[in-house]
C-alpha atoms as a PDB file:
ATOM      1  CA  UNK A   1      -1.329  27.382  43.615  1.00  0.00           C
ATOM      2  CA  UNK A   2      -0.503  31.042  44.027  1.00  0.00           C
ATOM      3  CA  UNK A   3      -2.279  33.359  46.472  1.00  0.00           C
ATOM      4  CA  UNK A   4      -4.339  35.074  43.773  1.00  0.00           C
ATOM      5  CA  UNK A   5      -5.877  31.826  42.516  1.00  0.00           C
ATOM      6  CA  UNK A   6      -6.569  30.632  46.052  1.00  0.00           C
ATOM      7  CA  UNK A   7      -8.227  33.924  47.023  1.00  0.00           C
ATOM      8  CA  UNK A   8     -10.208  34.057  43.778  1.00  0.00           C
ATOM      9  CA  UNK A   9     -11.427  30.490  44.311  1.00  0.00           C
ATOM     10  CA  UNK A  10     -12.607  31.372  47.797  1.00  0.00           C
ATOM     11  CA  UNK A  11     -14.435  34.412  46.437  1.00  0.00           C
ATOM     12  CA  UNK A  12     -16.162  32.336  43.725  1.00  0.00           C
ATOM     13  CA  UNK A  13     -17.322  29.883  46.410  1.00  0.00           C
ATOM     14  CA  UNK A  14     -18.667  32.636  48.687  1.00  0.00           C
ATOM     15  CA  UNK A  15     -22.185  33.910  49.256  1.00  0.00           C
ATOM     16  CA  UNK A  16     -20.992  37.388  48.273  1.00  0.00           C
ATOM     17  CA  UNK A  17     -20.232  36.118  44.763  1.00  0.00           C
ATOM     18  CA  UNK A  18     -23.673  34.511  44.589  1.00  0.00           C
ATOM     19  CA  UNK A  19     -25.203  37.905  45.433  1.00  0.00           C
ATOM     20  CA  UNK A  20     -23.156  39.626  42.720  1.00  0.00           C
ATOM     21  CA  UNK A  21     -24.056  36.923  40.204  1.00  0.00           C
ATOM     22  CA  UNK A  22     -27.752  37.367  40.977  1.00  0.00           C
ATOM     23  CA  UNK A  23     -27.509  41.138  40.520  1.00  0.00           C
ATOM     24  CA  UNK A  24     -25.640  40.750  37.233  1.00  0.00           C
ATOM     25  CA  UNK A  25     -28.167  38.211  35.945  1.00  0.00           C
ATOM     26  CA  UNK A  26     -31.065  40.535  36.777  1.00  0.00           C
ATOM     27  CA  UNK A  27     -29.372  43.481  35.043  1.00  0.00           C
ATOM     28  CA  UNK A  28     -28.786  41.481  31.867  1.00  0.00           C
ATOM     29  CA  UNK A  29     -32.320  40.062  31.920  1.00  0.00           C
ATOM     30  CA  UNK A  30     -33.892  43.493  32.462  1.00  0.00           C
ATOM     31  CA  UNK A  31     -31.855  44.979  29.601  1.00  0.00           C
ATOM     32  CA  UNK A  32     -32.838  42.115  27.296  1.00  0.00           C
ATOM     33  CA  UNK A  33     -36.486  42.457  28.312  1.00  0.00           C
ATOM     34  CA  UNK A  34     -36.460  46.202  27.599  1.00  0.00           C
ATOM     35  CA  UNK A  35     -35.023  45.614  24.133  1.00  0.00           C
ATOM     36  CA  UNK A  36     -37.473  42.798  23.471  1.00  0.00           C
ATOM     37  CA  UNK A  37     -40.413  45.036  24.384  1.00  0.00           C
ATOM     38  CA  UNK A  38     -39.032  47.926  22.321  1.00  0.00           C
ATOM     39  CA  UNK A  39     -38.869  45.579  19.328  1.00  0.00           C
ATOM     40  CA  UNK A  40     -42.578  44.795  19.774  1.00  0.00           C
ATOM     41  CA  UNK A  41     -42.343  41.588  21.750  1.00  0.00           C
ATOM     42  CA  UNK A  42     -44.634  40.697  24.606  1.00  0.00           C
ATOM     43  CA  UNK A  43     -43.037  39.466  27.815  1.00  0.00           C
ATOM     44  CA  UNK A  44     -45.141  36.974  29.824  1.00  0.00           C
ATOM     45  CA  UNK A  45     -45.842  37.649  33.489  1.00  0.00           C
ATOM     46  CA  UNK A  46     -43.249  36.393  35.958  1.00  0.00           C
ATOM     47  CA  UNK A  47     -43.754  32.803  37.005  1.00  0.00           C
ATOM     48  CA  UNK A  48     -42.668  31.406  40.373  1.00  0.00           C
ATOM     49  CA  UNK A  49     -39.290  29.721  40.282  1.00  0.00           C
ATOM     50  CA  UNK A  50     -40.412  26.944  42.590  1.00  0.00           C
ATOM     51  CA  UNK A  51     -43.391  26.000  44.689  1.00  0.00           C
ATOM     52  CA  UNK A  52     -43.248  24.570  48.199  1.00  0.00           C
ATOM     53  CA  UNK A  53     -45.611  21.656  48.739  1.00  0.00           C
ATOM     54  CA  UNK A  54     -46.249  20.721  52.330  1.00  0.00           C
ATOM     55  CA  UNK A  55     -47.850  17.556  53.623  1.00  0.00           C
ATOM     56  CA  UNK A  56     -50.238  18.704  56.346  1.00  0.00           C
ATOM     57  CA  UNK A  57     -51.906  15.304  56.750  1.00  0.00           C
ATOM     58  CA  UNK A  58     -49.086  13.839  58.847  1.00  0.00           C
ATOM     59  CA  UNK A  59     -50.389  13.129  62.353  1.00  0.00           C
ATOM     60  CA  UNK A  60     -47.005  12.984  64.065  1.00  0.00           C
ATOM     61  CA  UNK A  61     -43.764  14.897  63.476  1.00  0.00           C
ATOM     62  CA  UNK A  62     -41.156  13.210  61.322  1.00  0.00           C
ATOM     63  CA  UNK A  63     -37.837  12.356  62.886  1.00  0.00           C
END
């Protein structure tokens, strides 16, 4: 494997790439949403991606 491919693979596996990917996704989604609204569509309110459910009835800490 040449140096470029190795370095690129490390970049793809990094947190920095995840940050860039998130930014790019949000830009594309916002642009799509703007066009959708301009065309007369209604965009539903944002929904939570996930919900944390905690069990507060445990009497002793789990190990």
